[in-house]
Amino acid sequence: MKKKVFLYLLMSLLSSSIVFSSCEKSKDVPDPDPIPNPDPDPDPDEDEDEATIKISWLSKAEMPNPRYGGDAVVCNDIIYHIGGRNSQSAQKSNYAYNTLQNIWTTKAEMQVATMNLALASVGTKIYAIGGDPFLAKNESYNTTTNSWSYGAAMPTPRQHIDCGVVNGKIYVIGGLTSWDDYTGINEAYDPITDTWETKAPMPTPRHNPAIVVYNNKIYVFGGAGTPADIWTDLSMVEVYDPATDTWEEKQGLPTARFKPGAVVINDKIYVIGGFSDGVMSSRVDVYHPETDTWEDATDFPKGILFSGVVTVNNKLYISGGCNSDWSAYSSNYQGTLE
């Protein structure tokens, strides 16, 4: 019961005192209460020396400002961390990170402040879709001209969402449609025609999943939401095939959690961090799509939630996020497979 009340207060905080023109948050709110007695080691039973996949983590140049609740994508080998919240309010920020030079550059801001959105990279453009509070907006950033514009709004306004890109189309899946309702809705956006199409819904409705694309299929990991409790962590893994418009269930996460990050490196999917059983997780679990099995990897240096997780040249990059007292991070880590 304490977990349910705490998570409800958290999500209410992230959306409270907000007045948008389409999606802009305009009022600051106080920091939420910290998690009572957060566990410094979210996974005490895991022996780090026994991780079968080794990752070396290195701290890199920090973001210009702390952020959580935004997201990160890669466009032409540059990482863009867009939107999110500092410790007071949602932001319009757009930061670009050059991994070779280890330098961040501030780019043109979004037209309105947004957090808990879906972010996708298609060609030379980045699409920022939906977000808090229950938005339908669809902004696109042109990396060539350093400018923003609007596209057709998403049919179903929602927040705490994620998306995957297959053959140039953006599939926005799941999310919260209100503080009482979560969904499995699956809507596909075509940037070329600037149109949306409703696809087969996800069999297990949820919010705050991690979504990643492998071999033109969309993998959905974890999230939260059950009929008994909208904030219950999930371990469910489901895969969507856009070619057949069908879903398939796969082997679940080793630990239930919502809002981890997920990336693909060398035919393996790395699922990192998230909120699990009342604490920020530092776990890194590795999924093998071809065998439907899991392996352990070296933990991330700290528990983390609402961060940007991407890969460039087979290296992991994790930027921003927050800790157990909901203070935003400006940290930026590189993970190298050993």
C-alpha atoms as a PDB file:
ATOM      1  CA  MET A   1       0.000   0.000   0.000  1.00  0.00           C
ATOM      2  CA  LYS A   2       2.879   2.386   0.820  1.00  0.00           C
ATOM      3  CA  LYS A   3       4.391   1.695  -2.590  1.00  0.00           C
ATOM      4  CA  LYS A   4       1.118   2.442  -4.343  1.00  0.00           C
ATOM      5  CA  VAL A   5       0.597   5.711  -2.439  1.00  0.00           C
ATOM      6  CA  PHE A   6       4.183   6.806  -3.009  1.00  0.00           C
ATOM      7  CA  LEU A   7       4.098   6.127  -6.748  1.00  0.00           C
ATOM      8  CA  TYR A   8       0.764   7.872  -7.078  1.00  0.00           C
ATOM      9  CA  LEU A   9       2.200  10.937  -5.304  1.00  0.00           C
ATOM     10  CA  LEU A  10       5.234  10.820  -7.590  1.00  0.00           C
ATOM     11  CA  MET A  11       3.277  10.684 -10.828  1.00  0.00           C
ATOM     12  CA  SER A  12       0.813  13.281  -9.569  1.00  0.00           C
ATOM     13  CA  LEU A  13       3.759  15.563  -8.768  1.00  0.00           C
ATOM     14  CA  LEU A  14       5.242  15.181 -12.219  1.00  0.00           C
ATOM     15  CA  SER A  15       1.991  16.394 -13.749  1.00  0.00           C
ATOM     16  CA  SER A  16       0.748  18.815 -11.070  1.00  0.00           C
ATOM     17  CA  SER A  17       0.908  22.600 -11.272  1.00  0.00           C
ATOM     18  CA  ILE A  18       1.093  22.347 -15.053  1.00  0.00           C
ATOM     19  CA  VAL A  19      -0.523  24.630 -17.550  1.00  0.00           C
ATOM     20  CA  PHE A  20       0.254  23.941 -21.182  1.00  0.00           C
ATOM     21  CA  SER A  21      -0.232  25.580 -24.515  1.00  0.00           C
ATOM     22  CA  SER A  22      -0.488  22.137 -26.125  1.00  0.00           C
ATOM     23  CA  CYS A  23       2.252  20.834 -23.770  1.00  0.00           C
ATOM     24  CA  GLU A  24       4.168  23.544 -21.886  1.00  0.00           C
ATOM     25  CA  LYS A  25       4.626  23.202 -18.137  1.00  0.00           C
ATOM     26  CA  SER A  26       4.672  26.659 -16.615  1.00  0.00           C
ATOM     27  CA  LYS A  27       4.733  26.286 -12.842  1.00  0.00           C
ATOM     28  CA  ASP A  28       7.390  24.933 -10.518  1.00  0.00           C
ATOM     29  CA  VAL A  29       6.467  22.336  -7.947  1.00  0.00           C
ATOM     30  CA  PRO A  30       8.295  21.179  -4.829  1.00  0.00           C
ATOM     31  CA  ASP A  31      10.467  18.085  -4.864  1.00  0.00           C
ATOM     32  CA  PRO A  32       8.671  14.848  -4.012  1.00  0.00           C
ATOM     33  CA  ASP A  33       9.387  13.036  -0.763  1.00  0.00           C
ATOM     34  CA  PRO A  34      12.323  10.627  -0.988  1.00  0.00           C
ATOM     35  CA  ILE A  35      11.794   6.894  -1.018  1.00  0.00           C
ATOM     36  CA  PRO A  36      11.847   5.710   2.611  1.00  0.00           C
ATOM     37  CA  ASN A  37      15.165   4.040   3.413  1.00  0.00           C
ATOM     38  CA  PRO A  38      16.237   3.400  -0.192  1.00  0.00           C
ATOM     39  CA  ASP A  39      18.353   0.290  -0.565  1.00  0.00           C
ATOM     40  CA  PRO A  40      21.905   1.320  -1.580  1.00  0.00           C
ATOM     41  CA  ASP A  41      22.221  -2.034  -3.371  1.00  0.00           C
ATOM     42  CA  PRO A  42      18.961  -2.740  -5.209  1.00  0.00           C
ATOM     43  CA  ASP A  43      20.143  -6.248  -6.063  1.00  0.00           C
ATOM     44  CA  PRO A  44      21.953  -7.580  -2.988  1.00  0.00           C
ATOM     45  CA  ASP A  45      21.755 -11.195  -4.121  1.00  0.00           C
ATOM     46  CA  GLU A  46      23.609 -10.540  -7.348  1.00  0.00           C
ATOM     47  CA  ASP A  47      27.347 -11.260  -7.208  1.00  0.00           C
ATOM     48  CA  GLU A  48      28.946  -8.713  -9.524  1.00  0.00           C
ATOM     49  CA  ASP A  49      31.959 -10.970 -10.111  1.00  0.00           C
ATOM     50  CA  GLU A  50      29.640 -13.601 -11.598  1.00  0.00           C
ATOM     51  CA  ALA A  51      28.148 -11.360 -14.297  1.00  0.00           C
ATOM     52  CA  THR A  52      28.619 -13.287 -17.529  1.00  0.00           C
ATOM     53  CA  ILE A  53      28.845 -10.141 -19.664  1.00  0.00           C
ATOM     54  CA  LYS A  54      31.397  -7.605 -18.462  1.00  0.00           C
ATOM     55  CA  ILE A  55      30.945  -3.868 -19.004  1.00  0.00           C
ATOM     56  CA  SER A  56      33.467  -1.174 -18.098  1.00  0.00           C
ATOM     57  CA  TRP A  57      31.704   2.044 -17.098  1.00  0.00           C
ATOM     58  CA  LEU A  58      33.435   5.406 -17.541  1.00  0.00           C
ATOM     59  CA  SER A  59      32.156   8.824 -16.499  1.00  0.00           C
ATOM     60  CA  LYS A  60      32.223  11.282 -19.419  1.00  0.00           C
ATOM     61  CA  ALA A  61      31.464  14.999 -19.862  1.00  0.00           C
ATOM     62  CA  GLU A  62      28.302  15.895 -17.982  1.00  0.00           C
ATOM     63  CA  MET A  63      25.212  17.375 -19.601  1.00  0.00           C
ATOM     64  CA  PRO A  64      24.962  21.188 -19.422  1.00  0.00           C
ATOM     65  CA  ASN A  65      22.122  20.849 -16.872  1.00  0.00           C
ATOM     66  CA  PRO A  66      20.536  18.027 -14.846  1.00  0.00           C
ATOM     67  CA  ARG A  67      17.530  16.303 -16.421  1.00  0.00           C
ATOM     68  CA  TYR A  68      15.205  13.372 -15.833  1.00  0.00           C
ATOM     69  CA  GLY A  69      12.062  12.330 -17.650  1.00  0.00           C
ATOM     70  CA  GLY A  70      13.423  13.379 -21.028  1.00  0.00           C
ATOM     71  CA  ASP A  71      14.868  10.913 -23.511  1.00  0.00           C
ATOM     72  CA  ALA A  72      17.836  10.425 -25.828  1.00  0.00           C
ATOM     73  CA  VAL A  73      18.200   9.311 -29.439  1.00  0.00           C
ATOM     74  CA  VAL A  74      21.054   9.085 -31.933  1.00  0.00           C
ATOM     75  CA  CYS A  75      21.119  10.918 -35.266  1.00  0.00           C
ATOM     76  CA  ASN A  76      24.235  10.667 -37.465  1.00  0.00           C
ATOM     77  CA  ASP A  77      26.285   9.379 -34.500  1.00  0.00           C
ATOM     78  CA  ILE A  78      25.366  12.424 -32.370  1.00  0.00           C
ATOM     79  CA  ILE A  79      23.373  11.850 -29.178  1.00  0.00           C
ATOM     80  CA  TYR A  80      20.469  14.237 -28.564  1.00  0.00           C
ATOM     81  CA  HIS A  81      19.025  14.404 -25.033  1.00  0.00           C
ATOM     82  CA  ILE A  82      15.748  16.293 -25.303  1.00  0.00           C
ATOM     83  CA  GLY A  83      13.175  17.535 -22.804  1.00  0.00           C
ATOM     84  CA  GLY A  84      12.719  16.285 -19.271  1.00  0.00           C
ATOM     85  CA  ARG A  85      12.666  17.941 -15.911  1.00  0.00           C
ATOM     86  CA  ASN A  86      15.209  19.535 -13.627  1.00  0.00           C
ATOM     87  CA  SER A  87      14.435  19.294  -9.928  1.00  0.00           C
ATOM     88  CA  GLN A  88      11.645  21.896 -10.257  1.00  0.00           C
ATOM     89  CA  SER A  89       9.871  21.838 -13.621  1.00  0.00           C
ATOM     90  CA  ALA A  90       9.711  20.510 -17.187  1.00  0.00           C
ATOM     91  CA  GLN A  91      12.154  21.977 -19.692  1.00  0.00           C
ATOM     92  CA  LYS A  92      12.426  22.670 -23.442  1.00  0.00           C
ATOM     93  CA  SER A  93      16.123  21.723 -23.547  1.00  0.00           C
ATOM     94  CA  ASN A  94      17.910  20.064 -26.456  1.00  0.00           C
ATOM     95  CA  TYR A  95      21.509  18.975 -25.819  1.00  0.00           C
ATOM     96  CA  ALA A  96      23.730  17.312 -28.440  1.00  0.00           C
ATOM     97  CA  TYR A  97      26.671  15.120 -27.404  1.00  0.00           C
ATOM     98  CA  ASN A  98      29.609  14.313 -29.685  1.00  0.00           C
ATOM     99  CA  THR A  99      31.043  11.035 -28.419  1.00  0.00           C
ATOM    100  CA  LEU A 100      34.354  11.450 -30.277  1.00  0.00           C
ATOM    101  CA  GLN A 101      35.039  14.928 -28.899  1.00  0.00           C
ATOM    102  CA  ASN A 102      33.340  14.313 -25.519  1.00  0.00           C
ATOM    103  CA  ILE A 103      31.556  17.670 -25.881  1.00  0.00           C
ATOM    104  CA  TRP A 104      27.949  18.757 -25.303  1.00  0.00           C
ATOM    105  CA  THR A 105      26.387  21.521 -27.407  1.00  0.00           C
ATOM    106  CA  THR A 106      23.141  23.360 -26.648  1.00  0.00           C
ATOM    107  CA  LYS A 107      20.783  23.281 -29.629  1.00  0.00           C
ATOM    108  CA  ALA A 108      17.474  24.979 -30.467  1.00  0.00           C
ATOM    109  CA  GLU A 109      14.917  24.289 -27.754  1.00  0.00           C
ATOM    110  CA  MET A 110      11.597  22.552 -28.259  1.00  0.00           C
ATOM    111  CA  GLN A 111       8.711  24.922 -28.808  1.00  0.00           C
ATOM    112  CA  VAL A 112       7.149  23.893 -25.486  1.00  0.00           C
ATOM    113  CA  ALA A 113       8.480  22.176 -22.382  1.00  0.00           C
ATOM    114  CA  THR A 114       7.856  18.428 -22.327  1.00  0.00           C
ATOM    115  CA  MET A 115       8.670  15.352 -20.268  1.00  0.00           C
ATOM    116  CA  ASN A 116       7.650  11.667 -20.219  1.00  0.00           C
ATOM    117  CA  LEU A 117       7.497  11.727 -24.011  1.00  0.00           C
ATOM    118  CA  ALA A 118       8.387   9.409 -26.895  1.00  0.00           C
ATOM    119  CA  LEU A 119      11.489  10.344 -28.898  1.00  0.00           C
ATOM    120  CA  ALA A 120      12.413   8.930 -32.313  1.00  0.00           C
ATOM    121  CA  SER A 121      15.056   9.569 -34.957  1.00  0.00           C
ATOM    122  CA  VAL A 122      14.156   9.190 -38.649  1.00  0.00           C
ATOM    123  CA  GLY A 123      16.604  10.397 -41.289  1.00  0.00           C
ATOM    124  CA  THR A 124      17.932  13.804 -40.223  1.00  0.00           C
ATOM    125  CA  LYS A 125      14.905  14.618 -38.037  1.00  0.00           C
ATOM    126  CA  ILE A 126      14.003  13.841 -34.432  1.00  0.00           C
ATOM    127  CA  TYR A 127      10.363  13.500 -33.387  1.00  0.00           C
ATOM    128  CA  ALA A 128       9.159  14.404 -29.871  1.00  0.00           C
ATOM    129  CA  ILE A 129       5.678  12.954 -29.425  1.00  0.00           C
ATOM    130  CA  GLY A 130       3.134  13.135 -26.607  1.00  0.00           C
ATOM    131  CA  GLY A 131       4.216  13.616 -23.006  1.00  0.00           C
ATOM    132  CA  ASP A 132       3.077  15.105 -19.739  1.00  0.00           C
ATOM    133  CA  PRO A 133       0.212  15.970 -19.152  1.00  0.00           C
ATOM    134  CA  PHE A 134      -1.542  13.580 -21.554  1.00  0.00           C
ATOM    135  CA  LEU A 135      -0.423  15.327 -24.714  1.00  0.00           C
ATOM    136  CA  ALA A 136      -1.062  14.586 -28.387  1.00  0.00           C
ATOM    137  CA  LYS A 137       1.544  17.015 -29.740  1.00  0.00           C
ATOM    138  CA  ASN A 138       4.093  15.973 -32.357  1.00  0.00           C
ATOM    139  CA  GLU A 139       7.156  18.199 -32.720  1.00  0.00           C
ATOM    140  CA  SER A 140      10.017  17.475 -35.106  1.00  0.00           C
ATOM    141  CA  TYR A 141      13.573  18.784 -34.875  1.00  0.00           C
ATOM    142  CA  ASN A 142      15.586  19.229 -38.068  1.00  0.00           C
ATOM    143  CA  THR A 143      19.205  18.496 -37.144  1.00  0.00           C
ATOM    144  CA  THR A 144      20.420  20.121 -40.360  1.00  0.00           C
ATOM    145  CA  THR A 145      18.694  23.491 -39.890  1.00  0.00           C
ATOM    146  CA  ASN A 146      18.595  23.415 -36.063  1.00  0.00           C
ATOM    147  CA  SER A 147      14.875  24.229 -36.075  1.00  0.00           C
ATOM    148  CA  TRP A 148      11.558  22.791 -34.835  1.00  0.00           C
ATOM    149  CA  SER A 149       8.160  22.388 -36.469  1.00  0.00           C
ATOM    150  CA  TYR A 150       4.833  20.666 -35.758  1.00  0.00           C
ATOM    151  CA  GLY A 151       3.424  17.564 -37.439  1.00  0.00           C
ATOM    152  CA  ALA A 152       0.030  15.879 -37.210  1.00  0.00           C
ATOM    153  CA  ALA A 153      -0.986  15.314 -33.600  1.00  0.00           C
ATOM    154  CA  MET A 154      -1.077  11.784 -32.195  1.00  0.00           C
ATOM    155  CA  PRO A 155      -4.672  10.437 -32.236  1.00  0.00           C
ATOM    156  CA  THR A 156      -4.613   9.363 -28.571  1.00  0.00           C
ATOM    157  CA  PRO A 157      -3.125  11.871 -26.091  1.00  0.00           C
ATOM    158  CA  ARG A 158      -0.875  10.098 -23.577  1.00  0.00           C
ATOM    159  CA  GLN A 159       2.283  10.254 -21.491  1.00  0.00           C
ATOM    160  CA  HIS A 160       4.892   7.898 -20.002  1.00  0.00           C
ATOM    161  CA  ILE A 161       5.268   6.345 -23.437  1.00  0.00           C
ATOM    162  CA  ASP A 162       8.013   4.977 -25.658  1.00  0.00           C
ATOM    163  CA  CYS A 163       8.300   4.168 -29.348  1.00  0.00           C
ATOM    164  CA  GLY A 164      10.164   2.205 -31.997  1.00  0.00           C
ATOM    165  CA  VAL A 165      11.005   2.965 -35.633  1.00  0.00           C
ATOM    166  CA  VAL A 166      10.579   0.332 -38.354  1.00  0.00           C
ATOM    167  CA  ASN A 167      10.943   1.147 -42.064  1.00  0.00           C
ATOM    168  CA  GLY A 168      10.699   4.871 -41.388  1.00  0.00           C
ATOM    169  CA  LYS A 169       7.451   4.683 -39.391  1.00  0.00           C
ATOM    170  CA  ILE A 170       7.229   5.559 -35.683  1.00  0.00           C
ATOM    171  CA  TYR A 171       5.167   3.199 -33.508  1.00  0.00           C
ATOM    172  CA  VAL A 172       4.070   4.804 -30.207  1.00  0.00           C
ATOM    173  CA  ILE A 173       2.903   2.087 -27.838  1.00  0.00           C
ATOM    174  CA  GLY A 174       1.221   2.017 -24.418  1.00  0.00           C
ATOM    175  CA  GLY A 175       1.249   4.832 -21.862  1.00  0.00           C
ATOM    176  CA  LEU A 176      -1.081   6.621 -19.484  1.00  0.00           C
ATOM    177  CA  THR A 177      -4.215   8.241 -20.901  1.00  0.00           C
ATOM    178  CA  SER A 178      -5.208   9.560 -17.448  1.00  0.00           C
ATOM    179  CA  TRP A 179      -4.106   9.025 -13.849  1.00  0.00           C
ATOM    180  CA  ASP A 180      -6.621   6.165 -13.685  1.00  0.00           C
ATOM    181  CA  ASP A 181      -6.109   4.530 -17.078  1.00  0.00           C
ATOM    182  CA  TYR A 182      -3.200   2.897 -18.857  1.00  0.00           C
ATOM    183  CA  THR A 183      -3.366   1.542 -22.378  1.00  0.00           C
ATOM    184  CA  GLY A 184      -1.945  -0.891 -24.890  1.00  0.00           C
ATOM    185  CA  ILE A 185      -2.814   1.314 -27.846  1.00  0.00           C
ATOM    186  CA  ASN A 186      -0.396   1.176 -30.781  1.00  0.00           C
ATOM    187  CA  GLU A 187      -0.393   4.105 -33.207  1.00  0.00           C
ATOM    188  CA  ALA A 188       1.968   4.437 -36.155  1.00  0.00           C
ATOM    189  CA  TYR A 189       3.134   7.777 -37.582  1.00  0.00           C
ATOM    190  CA  ASP A 190       4.415   8.154 -41.143  1.00  0.00           C
ATOM    191  CA  PRO A 191       6.630  11.269 -41.349  1.00  0.00           C
ATOM    192  CA  ILE A 192       6.499  11.271 -45.147  1.00  0.00           C
ATOM    193  CA  THR A 193       2.703  11.552 -45.373  1.00  0.00           C
ATOM    194  CA  ASP A 194       2.294  13.200 -41.938  1.00  0.00           C
ATOM    195  CA  THR A 195      -0.468  10.727 -41.076  1.00  0.00           C
ATOM    196  CA  TRP A 196      -1.293   8.281 -38.269  1.00  0.00           C
ATOM    197  CA  GLU A 197      -2.682   4.749 -38.408  1.00  0.00           C
ATOM    198  CA  THR A 198      -3.993   2.582 -35.555  1.00  0.00           C
ATOM    199  CA  LYS A 199      -2.358  -0.846 -35.328  1.00  0.00           C
ATOM    200  CA  ALA A 200      -2.970  -4.001 -33.285  1.00  0.00           C
ATOM    201  CA  PRO A 201      -2.900  -3.051 -29.587  1.00  0.00           C
ATOM    202  CA  MET A 202      -0.345  -4.471 -27.196  1.00  0.00           C
ATOM    203  CA  PRO A 203      -1.876  -7.511 -25.428  1.00  0.00           C
ATOM    204  CA  THR A 204      -0.651  -6.342 -22.005  1.00  0.00           C
ATOM    205  CA  PRO A 205      -1.584  -2.665 -21.527  1.00  0.00           C
ATOM    206  CA  ARG A 206       1.029  -0.729 -19.566  1.00  0.00           C
ATOM    207  CA  HIS A 207       2.898   2.532 -19.113  1.00  0.00           C
ATOM    208  CA  ASN A 208       6.611   3.291 -18.710  1.00  0.00           C
ATOM    209  CA  PRO A 209       7.978   0.344 -20.707  1.00  0.00           C
ATOM    210  CA  ALA A 210      11.315   0.239 -22.519  1.00  0.00           C
ATOM    211  CA  ILE A 211      10.991  -0.205 -26.279  1.00  0.00           C
ATOM    212  CA  VAL A 212      13.699  -1.189 -28.762  1.00  0.00           C
ATOM    213  CA  VAL A 213      13.781  -2.474 -32.357  1.00  0.00           C
ATOM    214  CA  TYR A 214      15.624  -5.626 -33.422  1.00  0.00           C
ATOM    215  CA  ASN A 215      15.384  -7.182 -36.904  1.00  0.00           C
ATOM    216  CA  ASN A 216      12.402  -4.977 -37.766  1.00  0.00           C
ATOM    217  CA  LYS A 217      10.433  -6.153 -34.746  1.00  0.00           C
ATOM    218  CA  ILE A 218       9.514  -3.998 -31.741  1.00  0.00           C
ATOM    219  CA  TYR A 219      10.384  -5.384 -28.297  1.00  0.00           C
ATOM    220  CA  VAL A 220       8.548  -4.022 -25.251  1.00  0.00           C
ATOM    221  CA  PHE A 221      10.156  -4.638 -21.843  1.00  0.00           C
ATOM    222  CA  GLY A 222       8.568  -4.203 -18.425  1.00  0.00           C
ATOM    223  CA  GLY A 223       6.535  -1.154 -17.486  1.00  0.00           C
ATOM    224  CA  ALA A 224       3.766  -0.806 -14.911  1.00  0.00           C
ATOM    225  CA  GLY A 225       0.032  -1.385 -14.534  1.00  0.00           C
ATOM    226  CA  THR A 226      -2.306  -4.175 -13.436  1.00  0.00           C
ATOM    227  CA  PRO A 227      -6.083  -4.200 -12.820  1.00  0.00           C
ATOM    228  CA  ALA A 228      -5.376  -4.223  -9.088  1.00  0.00           C
ATOM    229  CA  ASP A 229      -2.736  -1.476  -9.073  1.00  0.00           C
ATOM    230  CA  ILE A 230      -1.844   0.951 -11.845  1.00  0.00           C
ATOM    231  CA  TRP A 231       1.701   1.295 -10.425  1.00  0.00           C
ATOM    232  CA  THR A 232       2.633  -2.378 -10.096  1.00  0.00           C
ATOM    233  CA  ASP A 233       5.985  -3.172 -11.752  1.00  0.00           C
ATOM    234  CA  LEU A 234       5.830  -5.623 -14.666  1.00  0.00           C
ATOM    235  CA  SER A 235       8.294  -8.180 -16.021  1.00  0.00           C
ATOM    236  CA  MET A 236       6.272  -8.844 -19.180  1.00  0.00           C
ATOM    237  CA  VAL A 237       8.103  -8.884 -22.545  1.00  0.00           C
ATOM    238  CA  GLU A 238       6.085  -8.731 -25.759  1.00  0.00           C
ATOM    239  CA  VAL A 239       7.173  -8.377 -29.393  1.00  0.00           C
ATOM    240  CA  TYR A 240       5.295  -6.647 -32.197  1.00  0.00           C
ATOM    241  CA  ASP A 241       5.832  -7.489 -35.871  1.00  0.00           C
ATOM    242  CA  PRO A 242       4.713  -4.549 -38.046  1.00  0.00           C
ATOM    243  CA  ALA A 243       4.853  -6.746 -41.156  1.00  0.00           C
ATOM    244  CA  THR A 244       2.041  -8.977 -39.858  1.00  0.00           C
ATOM    245  CA  ASP A 245       0.494  -6.574 -37.317  1.00  0.00           C
ATOM    246  CA  THR A 246       0.727  -9.280 -34.639  1.00  0.00           C
ATOM    247  CA  TRP A 247       2.107  -9.668 -31.104  1.00  0.00           C
ATOM    248  CA  GLU A 248       3.986 -12.485 -29.363  1.00  0.00           C
ATOM    249  CA  GLU A 249       4.908 -12.992 -25.711  1.00  0.00           C
ATOM    250  CA  LYS A 250       8.545 -13.714 -24.798  1.00  0.00           C
ATOM    251  CA  GLN A 251      10.498 -14.717 -21.698  1.00  0.00           C
ATOM    252  CA  GLY A 252       9.924 -12.081 -19.000  1.00  0.00           C
ATOM    253  CA  LEU A 253      12.493  -9.800 -17.395  1.00  0.00           C
ATOM    254  CA  PRO A 254      14.502 -11.378 -14.557  1.00  0.00           C
ATOM    255  CA  THR A 255      13.127  -8.635 -12.287  1.00  0.00           C
ATOM    256  CA  ALA A 256       9.943  -6.612 -12.747  1.00  0.00           C
ATOM    257  CA  ARG A 257      10.570  -2.886 -13.295  1.00  0.00           C
ATOM    258  CA  PHE A 258       9.253   0.160 -15.048  1.00  0.00           C
ATOM    259  CA  LYS A 259      11.053   2.748 -17.142  1.00  0.00           C
ATOM    260  CA  PRO A 260      14.338   0.972 -17.757  1.00  0.00           C
ATOM    261  CA  GLY A 261      16.321   1.815 -20.882  1.00  0.00           C
ATOM    262  CA  ALA A 262      16.982  -0.644 -23.717  1.00  0.00           C
ATOM    263  CA  VAL A 263      19.457  -0.778 -26.619  1.00  0.00           C
ATOM    264  CA  VAL A 264      20.756  -3.351 -29.120  1.00  0.00           C
ATOM    265  CA  ILE A 265      24.461  -4.245 -29.443  1.00  0.00           C
ATOM    266  CA  ASN A 266      25.738  -7.236 -31.421  1.00  0.00           C
ATOM    267  CA  ASP A 267      22.366  -9.012 -31.625  1.00  0.00           C
ATOM    268  CA  LYS A 268      21.744  -8.671 -27.881  1.00  0.00           C
ATOM    269  CA  ILE A 269      19.344  -6.328 -26.088  1.00  0.00           C
ATOM    270  CA  TYR A 270      20.657  -4.576 -22.971  1.00  0.00           C
ATOM    271  CA  VAL A 271      17.965  -3.552 -20.455  1.00  0.00           C
ATOM    272  CA  ILE A 272      19.312  -1.060 -17.933  1.00  0.00           C
ATOM    273  CA  GLY A 273      18.082   0.459 -14.680  1.00  0.00           C
ATOM    274  CA  GLY A 274      14.464   1.354 -13.950  1.00  0.00           C
ATOM    275  CA  PHE A 275      12.241   1.351 -10.866  1.00  0.00           C
ATOM    276  CA  SER A 276      11.957  -2.052  -9.234  1.00  0.00           C
ATOM    277  CA  ASP A 277      10.175  -2.987  -6.010  1.00  0.00           C
ATOM    278  CA  GLY A 278      10.441   0.503  -4.569  1.00  0.00           C
ATOM    279  CA  VAL A 279      14.054   1.326  -5.496  1.00  0.00           C
ATOM    280  CA  MET A 280      16.031   2.705  -8.428  1.00  0.00           C
ATOM    281  CA  SER A 281      17.721  -0.314 -10.023  1.00  0.00           C
ATOM    282  CA  SER A 282      21.316  -0.524 -11.249  1.00  0.00           C
ATOM    283  CA  ARG A 283      20.725  -3.885 -12.960  1.00  0.00           C
ATOM    284  CA  VAL A 284      21.852  -4.611 -16.503  1.00  0.00           C
ATOM    285  CA  ASP A 285      20.110  -7.646 -17.986  1.00  0.00           C
ATOM    286  CA  VAL A 286      20.942  -8.926 -21.466  1.00  0.00           C
ATOM    287  CA  TYR A 287      18.328 -10.564 -23.648  1.00  0.00           C
ATOM    288  CA  HIS A 288      19.100 -12.933 -26.547  1.00  0.00           C
ATOM    289  CA  PRO A 289      16.257 -12.582 -29.087  1.00  0.00           C
ATOM    290  CA  GLU A 290      17.281 -15.670 -31.058  1.00  0.00           C
ATOM    291  CA  THR A 291      17.104 -18.013 -28.031  1.00  0.00           C
ATOM    292  CA  ASP A 292      14.611 -16.100 -25.845  1.00  0.00           C
ATOM    293  CA  THR A 293      17.026 -16.241 -22.877  1.00  0.00           C
ATOM    294  CA  TRP A 294      18.627 -13.823 -20.411  1.00  0.00           C
ATOM    295  CA  GLU A 295      22.139 -13.189 -19.072  1.00  0.00           C
ATOM    296  CA  ASP A 296      23.511 -10.984 -16.300  1.00  0.00           C
ATOM    297  CA  ALA A 297      25.860  -8.097 -17.096  1.00  0.00           C
ATOM    298  CA  THR A 298      27.914  -5.743 -14.958  1.00  0.00           C
ATOM    299  CA  ASP A 299      25.686  -3.381 -12.989  1.00  0.00           C
ATOM    300  CA  PHE A 300      25.487   0.312 -13.813  1.00  0.00           C
ATOM    301  CA  PRO A 301      27.441   2.360 -11.211  1.00  0.00           C
ATOM    302  CA  LYS A 302      24.262   3.592  -9.508  1.00  0.00           C
ATOM    303  CA  GLY A 303      20.521   3.100  -9.422  1.00  0.00           C
ATOM    304  CA  ILE A 304      18.920   5.148 -12.171  1.00  0.00           C
ATOM    305  CA  LEU A 305      15.477   6.022 -13.541  1.00  0.00           C
ATOM    306  CA  PHE A 306      14.072   8.248 -16.329  1.00  0.00           C
ATOM    307  CA  SER A 307      17.449   8.461 -18.094  1.00  0.00           C
ATOM    308  CA  GLY A 308      18.449   8.541 -21.764  1.00  0.00           C
ATOM    309  CA  VAL A 309      19.930   5.202 -22.893  1.00  0.00           C
ATOM    310  CA  VAL A 310      21.461   4.865 -26.383  1.00  0.00           C
ATOM    311  CA  THR A 311      24.325   3.199 -28.213  1.00  0.00           C
ATOM    312  CA  VAL A 312      26.942   4.629 -30.595  1.00  0.00           C
ATOM    313  CA  ASN A 313      29.603   2.451 -32.254  1.00  0.00           C
ATOM    314  CA  ASN A 314      28.749  -0.491 -29.981  1.00  0.00           C
ATOM    315  CA  LYS A 315      29.225   1.517 -26.800  1.00  0.00           C
ATOM    316  CA  LEU A 316      26.503   2.284 -24.265  1.00  0.00           C
ATOM    317  CA  TYR A 317      25.736   5.877 -23.268  1.00  0.00           C
ATOM    318  CA  ILE A 318      23.481   6.771 -20.340  1.00  0.00           C
ATOM    319  CA  SER A 319      22.715  10.436 -19.699  1.00  0.00           C
ATOM    320  CA  GLY A 320      20.626  12.177 -17.072  1.00  0.00           C
ATOM    321  CA  GLY A 321      18.088  10.398 -14.895  1.00  0.00           C
ATOM    322  CA  CYS A 322      17.387  10.735 -11.196  1.00  0.00           C
ATOM    323  CA  ASN A 323      18.290   9.155  -7.879  1.00  0.00           C
ATOM    324  CA  SER A 324      16.237   7.889  -4.960  1.00  0.00           C
ATOM    325  CA  ASP A 325      15.314  11.359  -3.690  1.00  0.00           C
ATOM    326  CA  TRP A 326      14.241  12.401  -7.225  1.00  0.00           C
ATOM    327  CA  SER A 327      17.144  14.801  -7.727  1.00  0.00           C
ATOM    328  CA  ALA A 328      18.019  15.122 -11.418  1.00  0.00           C
ATOM    329  CA  TYR A 329      21.395  13.911 -12.683  1.00  0.00           C
ATOM    330  CA  SER A 330      23.628  15.704 -15.183  1.00  0.00           C
ATOM    331  CA  SER A 331      25.878  12.626 -15.350  1.00  0.00           C
ATOM    332  CA  ASN A 332      26.859  10.933 -18.585  1.00  0.00           C
ATOM    333  CA  TYR A 333      28.391   7.440 -18.674  1.00  0.00           C
ATOM    334  CA  GLN A 334      29.987   5.358 -21.399  1.00  0.00           C
ATOM    335  CA  GLY A 335      29.813   1.575 -21.178  1.00  0.00           C
ATOM    336  CA  THR A 336      32.334  -0.562 -23.077  1.00  0.00           C
ATOM    337  CA  LEU A 337      31.862  -4.304 -23.513  1.00  0.00           C
ATOM    338  CA  GLU A 338      34.924  -6.253 -22.389  1.00  0.00           C
END
